[in-house]
């Protein structure tokens, strides 16, 4: 399930307090960075490792 789908659900469940905004920002930004970093590292040619 894409993390963007979870944003409205988390807002409905938890409201819009600062902690919820921080969690949503973290949720939407951290996982794409981790996934893209793993893909980028995996695509480095063996000669460059």
Protein backbone atom coordinates (compact mmCIF):
# COMPACT_ATOMS: atom_id res chain seq x y z
CA UNK A 1 0.00 0.00 0.00
CA UNK A 2 1.48 3.38 -0.95
CA UNK A 3 2.26 5.59 2.03
CA UNK A 4 0.31 8.47 0.49
CA UNK A 5 -2.86 6.43 0.96
CA UNK A 6 -2.20 6.28 4.71
CA UNK A 7 -2.09 10.06 5.17
CA UNK A 8 -5.87 10.69 5.22
CA UNK A 9 -6.41 7.65 7.45
CA UNK A 10 -3.81 8.81 9.97
CA UNK A 11 -5.35 12.29 10.00
CA UNK A 12 -8.80 10.82 10.66
CA UNK A 13 -7.50 8.47 13.37
CA UNK A 14 -5.10 10.79 15.18
CA UNK A 15 -6.08 14.36 14.30
CA UNK A 16 -3.75 17.18 13.29
CA UNK A 17 -1.51 17.72 16.30
CA UNK A 18 2.21 18.44 15.93
CA UNK A 19 3.26 14.84 16.58
CA UNK A 20 0.90 13.59 13.87
CA UNK A 21 2.23 16.13 11.37
CA UNK A 22 5.79 15.09 12.23
CA UNK A 23 4.93 11.40 11.84
CA UNK A 24 3.22 11.99 8.49
CA UNK A 25 6.17 13.99 7.19
CA UNK A 26 8.53 11.25 8.31
CA UNK A 27 6.34 8.50 6.85
CA UNK A 28 5.99 10.13 3.44
CA UNK A 29 9.65 11.18 3.12
CA UNK A 30 11.80 8.49 4.73
CA UNK A 31 10.60 5.38 2.92
CA UNK A 32 11.08 6.75 -0.63
CA UNK A 33 14.60 7.87 0.32
CA UNK A 34 15.45 4.43 1.72
CA UNK A 35 14.00 2.60 -1.27
CA UNK A 36 15.71 4.82 -3.84
CA UNK A 37 19.02 4.59 -2.01
CA UNK A 38 18.87 0.79 -2.03
CA UNK A 39 18.04 0.76 -5.74
CA UNK A 40 20.83 3.23 -6.48
CA UNK A 41 23.41 1.23 -4.55
CA UNK A 42 22.30 -1.98 -6.24
CA UNK A 43 22.75 -0.39 -9.68
CA UNK A 44 26.36 0.69 -9.13
CA UNK A 45 28.59 -1.24 -11.54
CA UNK A 46 30.86 -3.84 -9.96
CA UNK A 47 33.95 -1.99 -11.25
CA UNK A 48 33.01 1.05 -9.12
CA UNK A 49 32.47 -0.82 -5.85
